């Protein structure tokens, strides 16, 4: 495939760039961007049409300074195009790694990437983790959602390193009861604890203090959801360790990672991350929407892609790293649902029954807990589903909720956005950790 980065060359560049200055990094990104745009124009029908409609050609883009000439693309526009138009021509989708997103944005999406692209992303994450203080011999316990396997095996390198005693990782199902998770962590005694903020925050309950007294990770890394200051404080106090944050998505596995010296979020050199305020580049300290280009996505390119998140444009970090920074990321907010039987239900337990199955007709969803004993699922569909499809969703969810909780499915034409312009996929009207966060936006 034309323009696809060589794995060894890309991995070596990743290692070098962390030690270079901002000018060298800029030169590298400009060159990578030109290769990506030439490839997308020649091989990806969606981008060929987009460029032609705006009388634009890749030769007009000399580097990141000219990005503003390219129209911004959103998930809805990509979903409206046939999949073969989003993929590079000549590729067999069956030979690509396939990720059906958990729909944490409220809009499920299927993403495809090549094995080589996945390995470059893996190297980028390893380098970021190293800068955050994770050593190659550390045992990492990852508390999160246990997902079904991808359509192709993307973990060969990771498993090989694991068997050699490097970058060892044990996945702990975060949907289990907190006391079960605590027991598992006590048995593992991890050097590093990784997880969704909400799942780790559940482990700060006073009743678990004794069970977790011997679990003392050197570092805690969170991502996937908004980390509130209160969450950070509770998690750090429980495990007596510093908490660092990563920022990423399914389209962009690593967007930014927290500097352990300054607290700023360094933007990964694998992406070009723009913060736009009313369509123009935000000024330092100004908040705007996040628009990203993945420099290592050639099978299914993401060029000036609107994520739906908000962030503040940051200054250069005092640590001396060549990466730009962002702060105040306002991304995915996922409320736990307190149920009548005392359980705290993570909405992903419902969501994975929706989007990790055959329901590809779901365009948008929103879960709203109206009362402790009532949850409503709002669905916007690409095509009208039959009664059987709706009934199947209800049948799959009701055993999870129990007999005390009503569950209703409502079909709607569109799900309204938040005041911030985001689609919030889950909301509890009983209790929300993010009420104060949304009030500040």
Protein backbone atom coordinates (compact mmCIF):
# COMPACT_ATOMS: atom_id res chain seq x y z
CA UNK A 1 0.00 0.00 0.00
CA UNK A 2 1.51 3.28 -1.13
CA UNK A 3 2.71 5.57 1.62
CA UNK A 4 2.41 3.00 4.39
CA UNK A 5 5.22 3.46 6.94
CA UNK A 6 7.74 0.69 7.32
CA UNK A 7 7.31 -0.82 10.79
CA UNK A 8 11.00 -0.85 11.71
CA UNK A 9 11.59 2.64 10.32
CA UNK A 10 8.52 4.07 12.08
CA UNK A 11 9.43 2.39 15.39
CA UNK A 12 13.00 3.72 15.19
CA UNK A 13 11.67 7.22 14.42
CA UNK A 14 9.40 7.03 17.44
CA UNK A 15 12.37 6.24 19.66
CA UNK A 16 14.47 9.07 18.24
CA UNK A 17 11.81 11.77 18.28
CA UNK A 18 11.46 11.71 22.04
CA UNK A 19 15.06 12.91 22.23
CA UNK A 20 14.88 15.57 19.50
CA UNK A 21 13.89 19.21 19.66
CA UNK A 22 10.62 20.80 18.55
CA UNK A 23 11.97 21.84 15.14
CA UNK A 24 13.10 18.31 14.28
CA UNK A 25 9.75 16.97 15.43
CA UNK A 26 7.96 19.51 13.23
CA UNK A 27 9.99 18.50 10.17
CA UNK A 28 9.18 14.84 10.79
CA UNK A 29 5.44 15.47 11.22
CA UNK A 30 5.29 17.67 8.11
CA UNK A 31 6.85 14.91 6.03
CA UNK A 32 4.58 12.25 7.49
CA UNK A 33 1.53 14.43 6.86
CA UNK A 34 2.45 14.92 3.20
CA UNK A 35 2.81 11.15 2.74
CA UNK A 36 -0.54 10.54 4.44
CA UNK A 37 -2.40 13.11 2.33
CA UNK A 38 -0.92 11.87 -0.95
CA UNK A 39 -1.91 8.32 -0.01
CA UNK A 40 -5.45 9.27 1.05
CA UNK A 41 -6.05 11.28 -2.13
CA UNK A 42 -4.84 8.48 -4.40
CA UNK A 43 -6.29 5.47 -2.59
CA UNK A 44 -9.22 6.47 -0.32
CA UNK A 45 -12.40 7.52 -2.23
CA UNK A 46 -13.87 9.49 0.67
CA UNK A 47 -10.87 11.83 0.87
CA UNK A 48 -10.51 12.05 -2.90
CA UNK A 49 -14.08 13.38 -3.12
CA UNK A 50 -13.59 15.69 -0.14
CA UNK A 51 -10.47 17.26 -1.64
CA UNK A 52 -12.00 17.57 -5.11
CA UNK A 53 -15.16 19.20 -3.74
CA UNK A 54 -13.01 21.90 -2.16
CA UNK A 55 -10.66 22.21 -5.16
CA UNK A 56 -7.81 21.05 -3.00
CA UNK A 57 -4.82 18.86 -3.83
CA UNK A 58 -2.23 17.33 -1.45
CA UNK A 59 0.48 19.44 -3.08
CA UNK A 60 -1.24 22.50 -1.57
CA UNK A 61 -0.43 21.19 1.93
CA UNK A 62 3.25 21.69 2.70
CA UNK A 63 2.92 20.78 6.37
CA UNK A 64 0.96 21.25 9.55
CA UNK A 65 0.83 25.03 9.05
CA UNK A 66 -1.50 24.46 6.08
CA UNK A 67 -3.88 22.07 7.82
CA UNK A 68 -6.58 24.75 7.99
CA UNK A 69 -7.10 24.36 4.23
CA UNK A 70 -8.49 20.85 4.78
CA UNK A 71 -12.17 20.58 5.80
CA UNK A 72 -12.91 19.05 9.19
CA UNK A 73 -14.53 15.58 9.12
CA UNK A 74 -16.85 14.17 11.78
CA UNK A 75 -17.86 10.62 12.63
CA UNK A 76 -21.34 11.10 11.17
CA UNK A 77 -19.93 12.01 7.75
CA UNK A 78 -17.67 8.98 7.74
CA UNK A 79 -20.51 6.69 8.78
CA UNK A 80 -22.70 8.00 5.98
CA UNK A 81 -20.08 6.91 3.42
CA UNK A 82 -19.89 3.23 2.40
CA UNK A 83 -17.13 1.42 4.24
CA UNK A 84 -15.25 0.68 1.01
CA UNK A 85 -14.97 4.45 0.48
CA UNK A 86 -13.35 4.91 3.91
CA UNK A 87 -10.79 2.17 3.35
CA UNK A 88 -7.74 2.28 1.11
CA UNK A 89 -8.56 0.61 -2.19
CA UNK A 90 -7.20 -2.87 -2.69
CA UNK A 91 -7.40 -3.83 0.98
CA UNK A 92 -9.44 -6.80 2.12
CA UNK A 93 -11.31 -5.82 5.31
CA UNK A 94 -11.05 -9.43 6.48
CA UNK A 95 -7.27 -9.08 6.61
CA UNK A 96 -7.34 -6.00 8.85
CA UNK A 97 -7.64 -5.67 12.61
CA UNK A 98 -11.21 -4.71 13.40
CA UNK A 99 -12.32 -2.79 16.47
CA UNK A 100 -16.03 -2.33 17.06
CA UNK A 101 -16.00 0.54 19.54
CA UNK A 102 -17.82 0.26 22.84
CA UNK A 103 -19.82 3.30 21.82
CA UNK A 104 -18.51 5.34 24.75
CA UNK A 105 -19.16 8.43 22.63
CA UNK A 106 -22.78 7.43 22.09
CA UNK A 107 -22.08 6.63 18.41
CA UNK A 108 -20.82 3.08 17.76
CA UNK A 109 -18.18 2.82 15.05
CA UNK A 110 -16.13 0.10 13.36
CA UNK A 111 -12.44 0.95 12.93
CA UNK A 112 -9.97 -1.01 10.84
CA UNK A 113 -6.19 -0.84 10.83
CA UNK A 114 -3.35 -2.97 9.55
CA UNK A 115 -1.11 -5.11 11.72
CA UNK A 116 1.81 -2.77 11.02
CA UNK A 117 -0.16 0.29 12.03
CA UNK A 118 -1.20 -1.40 15.25
CA UNK A 119 2.44 -2.16 16.12
CA UNK A 120 3.48 1.46 15.55
CA UNK A 121 0.73 2.52 17.95
CA UNK A 122 2.01 -0.07 20.43
CA UNK A 123 5.52 1.39 20.27
CA UNK A 124 4.13 4.91 20.78
CA UNK A 125 2.29 3.77 23.92
CA UNK A 126 5.35 1.96 25.28
CA UNK A 127 7.45 5.10 24.92
CA UNK A 128 4.79 7.22 26.62
CA UNK A 129 4.54 4.73 29.49
CA UNK A 130 8.31 4.76 29.88
CA UNK A 131 8.26 8.55 30.22
CA UNK A 132 5.56 8.16 32.88
CA UNK A 133 7.83 5.95 34.96
CA UNK A 134 6.84 2.44 33.89
CA UNK A 135 9.75 0.04 33.54
CA UNK A 136 9.97 -2.82 31.07
CA UNK A 137 10.01 -5.42 33.89
CA UNK A 138 7.02 -3.98 35.77
CA UNK A 139 3.88 -6.01 36.30
CA UNK A 140 0.89 -3.96 35.16
CA UNK A 141 -2.64 -4.72 36.36
CA UNK A 142 -5.25 -3.24 34.02
CA UNK A 143 -8.73 -2.83 35.51
CA UNK A 144 -11.25 -2.38 32.72
CA UNK A 145 -13.83 -3.87 30.41
CA UNK A 146 -12.94 -7.33 29.18
CA UNK A 147 -13.70 -7.21 25.46
CA UNK A 148 -14.21 -9.94 22.90
CA UNK A 149 -11.14 -10.61 20.74
CA UNK A 150 -10.53 -8.57 17.59
CA UNK A 151 -11.23 -10.09 14.20
CA UNK A 152 -7.48 -10.68 13.78
CA UNK A 153 -4.75 -11.37 16.31
CA UNK A 154 -3.15 -8.04 17.24
CA UNK A 155 -1.37 -9.20 20.41
CA UNK A 156 1.41 -11.39 19.05
CA UNK A 157 4.24 -8.99 19.93
CA UNK A 158 2.80 -8.18 23.35
CA UNK A 159 2.40 -11.85 24.27
CA UNK A 160 5.93 -12.65 23.11
CA UNK A 161 7.38 -9.87 25.27
CA UNK A 162 5.20 -11.01 28.15
CA UNK A 163 6.60 -14.54 28.00
CA UNK A 164 10.10 -13.07 28.16
CA UNK A 165 9.19 -11.13 31.28
CA UNK A 166 8.86 -7.72 29.59
CA UNK A 167 5.83 -5.41 29.71
CA UNK A 168 3.81 -7.96 31.65
CA UNK A 169 0.10 -7.15 31.90
CA UNK A 170 -2.75 -8.85 33.72
CA UNK A 171 -6.30 -7.77 32.86
CA UNK A 172 -8.78 -7.55 35.74
CA UNK A 173 -12.48 -7.45 34.89
CA UNK A 174 -13.66 -4.08 36.20
CA UNK A 175 -17.32 -5.13 36.06
CA UNK A 176 -16.80 -7.45 39.02
CA UNK A 177 -17.73 -6.47 42.58
CA UNK A 178 -15.13 -4.16 44.17
CA UNK A 179 -14.21 -6.75 46.79
CA UNK A 180 -13.49 -9.32 44.04
CA UNK A 181 -11.27 -6.82 42.22
CA UNK A 182 -9.48 -6.02 45.50
CA UNK A 183 -8.82 -9.72 46.09
CA UNK A 184 -7.38 -10.09 42.60
CA UNK A 185 -5.11 -7.06 42.99
CA UNK A 186 -3.88 -8.34 46.34
CA UNK A 187 -2.92 -11.61 44.69
CA UNK A 188 -1.15 -9.85 41.79
CA UNK A 189 0.71 -7.16 43.79
CA UNK A 190 1.20 -5.03 40.65
CA UNK A 191 3.98 -2.49 40.21
CA UNK A 192 1.65 -0.33 38.13
CA UNK A 193 -2.13 -0.02 38.25
CA UNK A 194 -3.98 1.03 35.09
CA UNK A 195 -7.70 1.53 34.60
CA UNK A 196 -10.78 3.59 33.97
CA UNK A 197 -11.09 6.33 36.62
CA UNK A 198 -14.61 5.31 37.60
CA UNK A 199 -13.64 1.68 38.12
CA UNK A 200 -10.59 2.53 40.22
CA UNK A 201 -12.60 5.08 42.18
CA UNK A 202 -14.93 2.30 43.37
CA UNK A 203 -11.94 0.74 45.11
CA UNK A 204 -11.70 3.79 47.40
CA UNK A 205 -14.78 2.73 49.40
CA UNK A 206 -13.87 2.71 53.14
CA UNK A 207 -14.97 -0.92 53.47
CA UNK A 208 -12.12 -1.99 51.15
CA UNK A 209 -9.31 -0.29 53.07
CA UNK A 210 -8.29 -3.50 54.85
CA UNK A 211 -8.54 -5.69 51.75
CA UNK A 212 -6.25 -3.37 49.77
CA UNK A 213 -3.80 -2.49 52.55
CA UNK A 214 -0.97 -4.48 50.92
CA UNK A 215 -1.54 -3.23 47.36
CA UNK A 216 1.02 -0.49 46.81
CA UNK A 217 1.63 0.20 43.11
CA UNK A 218 4.46 2.58 42.34
CA UNK A 219 2.35 4.39 39.75
CA UNK A 220 -1.32 4.64 38.77
CA UNK A 221 -2.32 5.50 35.20
CA UNK A 222 -5.90 6.26 34.22
CA UNK A 223 -7.65 6.99 30.94
CA UNK A 224 -10.78 6.43 28.89
CA UNK A 225 -12.99 8.75 30.96
CA UNK A 226 -12.77 12.19 32.52
CA UNK A 227 -10.72 12.14 35.73
CA UNK A 228 -12.17 14.65 38.17
CA UNK A 229 -9.96 16.25 40.85
CA UNK A 230 -11.97 14.44 43.53
CA UNK A 231 -11.39 11.07 41.84
CA UNK A 232 -7.67 11.74 41.52
CA UNK A 233 -7.41 12.64 45.19
CA UNK A 234 -9.32 9.57 46.41
CA UNK A 235 -7.44 7.10 44.19
CA UNK A 236 -4.05 8.54 45.10
CA UNK A 237 -4.86 8.46 48.83
CA UNK A 238 -6.12 4.87 48.74
CA UNK A 239 -3.05 3.43 47.03
CA UNK A 240 -0.53 6.01 48.30
CA UNK A 241 0.73 6.56 44.75
CA UNK A 242 0.70 9.38 42.23
CA UNK A 243 -1.99 9.28 39.56
CA UNK A 244 -1.10 10.12 35.95
CA UNK A 245 -3.54 10.52 33.08
CA UNK A 246 -3.56 9.42 29.45
CA UNK A 247 -5.87 10.69 26.73
CA UNK A 248 -6.86 8.53 23.78
CA UNK A 249 -9.69 7.03 21.77
CA UNK A 250 -10.32 4.04 19.54
CA UNK A 251 -9.47 6.10 16.46
CA UNK A 252 -6.35 7.47 18.14
CA UNK A 253 -5.03 4.96 20.72
CA UNK A 254 -2.72 7.61 22.20
CA UNK A 255 -3.45 11.32 21.95
CA UNK A 256 -1.64 12.68 24.99
CA UNK A 257 0.00 11.56 28.25
CA UNK A 258 0.66 13.36 31.50
CA UNK A 259 4.13 14.63 32.30
CA UNK A 260 5.14 13.34 35.73
CA UNK A 261 7.20 16.49 36.30
CA UNK A 262 4.74 19.26 35.36
CA UNK A 263 1.28 17.67 35.15
CA UNK A 264 0.78 18.90 31.56
CA UNK A 265 -0.53 16.49 28.92
CA UNK A 266 2.13 15.98 26.22
CA UNK A 267 0.56 15.50 22.78
CA UNK A 268 1.83 12.32 21.09
CA UNK A 269 3.95 12.88 17.99
CA UNK A 270 1.90 10.13 16.31
CA UNK A 271 -0.93 12.63 15.85
CA UNK A 272 -1.48 16.27 15.00
CA UNK A 273 -3.89 17.57 17.61
CA UNK A 274 -5.57 20.91 17.00
CA UNK A 275 -7.63 22.88 19.50
CA UNK A 276 -10.07 25.02 17.53
CA UNK A 277 -12.09 27.89 18.96
CA UNK A 278 -14.93 28.90 16.64
CA UNK A 279 -13.06 27.36 13.73
CA UNK A 280 -9.70 29.06 14.32
CA UNK A 281 -6.67 27.77 16.27
CA UNK A 282 -7.18 28.45 19.95
CA UNK A 283 -4.83 30.82 21.69
CA UNK A 284 -2.69 29.68 24.61
CA UNK A 285 -4.96 28.97 27.56
CA UNK A 286 -8.09 29.10 25.40
CA UNK A 287 -10.58 26.23 25.26
CA UNK A 288 -11.83 24.75 22.01
CA UNK A 289 -12.87 21.55 20.27
CA UNK A 290 -10.35 18.79 19.62
CA UNK A 291 -9.62 17.96 15.95
CA UNK A 292 -7.02 15.26 15.25
CA UNK A 293 -5.07 13.74 12.36
CA UNK A 294 -3.60 10.26 12.83
CA UNK A 295 -0.21 10.23 11.11
CA UNK A 296 0.01 6.43 11.21
CA UNK A 297 -3.46 5.47 9.92
CA UNK A 298 -3.28 4.53 6.24
CA UNK A 299 -5.74 1.64 5.98
CA UNK A 300 -8.59 3.83 7.32
CA UNK A 301 -7.30 7.41 7.54
CA UNK A 302 -8.52 9.96 10.06
CA UNK A 303 -7.63 13.42 8.78
CA UNK A 304 -8.77 16.53 10.68
CA UNK A 305 -11.29 14.38 12.53
CA UNK A 306 -13.59 16.02 15.07
CA UNK A 307 -13.53 13.92 18.25
CA UNK A 308 -16.29 15.77 20.08
CA UNK A 309 -14.03 16.56 23.04
CA UNK A 310 -13.05 19.94 24.43
CA UNK A 311 -9.57 20.88 25.63
CA UNK A 312 -7.42 23.87 26.49
CA UNK A 313 -4.39 24.67 24.38
CA UNK A 314 -1.27 24.52 26.52
CA UNK A 315 2.19 26.06 26.39
CA UNK A 316 5.43 24.13 25.96
CA UNK A 317 6.22 22.00 28.97
CA UNK A 318 8.92 23.06 31.40
CA UNK A 319 10.37 19.52 31.31
CA UNK A 320 11.98 20.28 27.95
CA UNK A 321 10.18 17.58 25.90
CA UNK A 322 9.54 18.62 22.28
CA UNK A 323 5.82 17.87 22.39
CA UNK A 324 3.04 20.45 22.49
CA UNK A 325 0.59 20.22 25.41
CA UNK A 326 -3.12 20.36 26.16
CA UNK A 327 -4.99 20.62 29.42
CA UNK A 328 -8.49 20.60 30.84
CA UNK A 329 -9.67 17.79 28.55
CA UNK A 330 -13.44 17.49 28.74
CA UNK A 331 -14.11 14.09 27.18
CA UNK A 332 -16.12 11.00 28.02
CA UNK A 333 -18.26 11.23 31.13
CA UNK A 334 -19.73 7.90 32.21
CA UNK A 335 -21.95 7.80 35.28
CA UNK A 336 -22.33 4.67 37.38
CA UNK A 337 -25.97 3.75 38.06
CA UNK A 338 -26.81 3.04 41.75
CA UNK A 339 -29.42 0.26 41.80
CA UNK A 340 -32.03 -0.63 44.47
CA UNK A 341 -30.13 -3.77 45.53
CA UNK A 342 -27.04 -1.71 46.40
CA UNK A 343 -25.06 -2.49 43.25
CA UNK A 344 -23.27 0.23 41.27
CA UNK A 345 -23.83 -0.65 37.62
CA UNK A 346 -21.36 0.56 35.00
CA UNK A 347 -23.30 1.48 31.81
CA UNK A 348 -20.74 -0.40 29.70
CA UNK A 349 -22.31 -3.60 31.03
CA UNK A 350 -25.43 -2.61 29.10
CA UNK A 351 -23.58 -1.05 26.19
CA UNK A 352 -21.53 -4.13 25.38
CA UNK A 353 -24.81 -6.00 24.83
CA UNK A 354 -25.69 -3.37 22.23
CA UNK A 355 -22.57 -2.71 20.20
CA UNK A 356 -20.51 -5.89 20.61
CA UNK A 357 -23.32 -7.84 19.02
CA UNK A 358 -25.20 -7.74 15.70
CA UNK A 359 -26.93 -4.37 16.26
CA UNK A 360 -25.08 -2.34 13.64
CA UNK A 361 -28.28 -0.42 12.93
CA UNK A 362 -27.68 1.64 16.10
CA UNK A 363 -26.49 5.12 15.07
CA UNK A 364 -26.63 6.81 18.48
CA UNK A 365 -27.61 5.82 21.98
CA UNK A 366 -28.02 7.39 25.39
CA UNK A 367 -28.71 5.64 28.68
CA UNK A 368 -30.54 7.71 31.28
CA UNK A 369 -31.18 6.53 34.83
CA UNK A 370 -34.35 8.43 35.74
CA UNK A 371 -34.72 6.75 39.15
CA UNK A 372 -32.90 4.02 41.02
CA UNK A 373 -35.50 1.61 39.68
CA UNK A 374 -35.86 2.93 36.13
CA UNK A 375 -33.38 3.13 33.20
CA UNK A 376 -34.33 4.35 29.73
CA UNK A 377 -32.33 3.59 26.59
CA UNK A 378 -32.76 6.19 23.84
CA UNK A 379 -31.83 4.86 20.40
CA UNK A 380 -31.42 6.62 17.05
CA UNK A 381 -31.29 4.13 14.18
CA UNK A 382 -29.70 4.11 10.74
CA UNK A 383 -32.65 2.01 9.49
CA UNK A 384 -35.91 1.31 11.34
CA UNK A 385 -35.37 -1.81 13.48
CA UNK A 386 -38.04 -4.45 13.76
CA UNK A 387 -39.90 -5.23 16.95
CA UNK A 388 -37.80 -8.37 17.29
CA UNK A 389 -34.56 -6.32 17.42
CA UNK A 390 -35.94 -4.10 20.21
CA UNK A 391 -37.25 -7.11 22.12
CA UNK A 392 -33.86 -8.83 21.83
CA UNK A 393 -32.15 -5.82 23.44
CA UNK A 394 -34.63 -5.84 26.33
CA UNK A 395 -34.19 -9.60 26.84
CA UNK A 396 -30.40 -9.27 26.99
CA UNK A 397 -30.45 -6.38 29.49
CA UNK A 398 -33.22 -7.32 31.93
CA UNK A 399 -31.34 -10.23 33.63
CA UNK A 400 -28.51 -7.78 34.33
CA UNK A 401 -30.79 -5.26 36.07
CA UNK A 402 -32.94 -7.66 38.09
CA UNK A 403 -36.67 -7.56 38.75
CA UNK A 404 -36.64 -4.30 40.72
CA UNK A 405 -35.50 -2.10 37.82
CA UNK A 406 -37.69 -1.03 34.90
CA UNK A 407 -35.98 -0.92 31.52
CA UNK A 408 -37.49 0.89 28.58
CA UNK A 409 -36.26 1.32 25.00
CA UNK A 410 -37.29 4.45 23.12
CA UNK A 411 -36.60 5.09 19.45
CA UNK A 412 -35.85 8.74 18.70
CA UNK A 413 -34.88 10.65 15.58
CA UNK A 414 -31.93 12.41 17.18
CA UNK A 415 -30.33 12.58 20.62
CA UNK A 416 -29.74 16.17 21.78
CA UNK A 417 -26.21 17.31 22.54
CA UNK A 418 -25.01 18.76 25.81
CA UNK A 419 -24.52 22.52 26.18
CA UNK A 420 -20.82 21.79 25.57
CA UNK A 421 -21.70 20.35 22.15
CA UNK A 422 -20.96 16.76 23.17
CA UNK A 423 -23.21 13.73 23.15
CA UNK A 424 -23.18 12.28 26.66
CA UNK A 425 -23.76 8.53 26.36
CA UNK A 426 -24.87 7.85 29.94
CA UNK A 427 -26.38 10.01 32.62
CA UNK A 428 -27.65 9.24 36.08
CA UNK A 429 -30.27 11.61 37.48
CA UNK A 430 -29.79 9.86 40.84
CA UNK A 431 -26.07 10.61 41.31
CA UNK A 432 -23.37 11.90 38.97
CA UNK A 433 -19.66 12.33 39.69
CA UNK A 434 -19.61 14.81 36.80
CA UNK A 435 -22.32 17.28 37.81
CA UNK A 436 -19.75 19.81 38.97
CA UNK A 437 -17.67 19.25 35.83
CA UNK A 438 -20.53 19.98 33.44
CA UNK A 439 -21.52 23.04 35.42
CA UNK A 440 -18.09 24.56 34.72
CA UNK A 441 -18.20 24.04 30.95
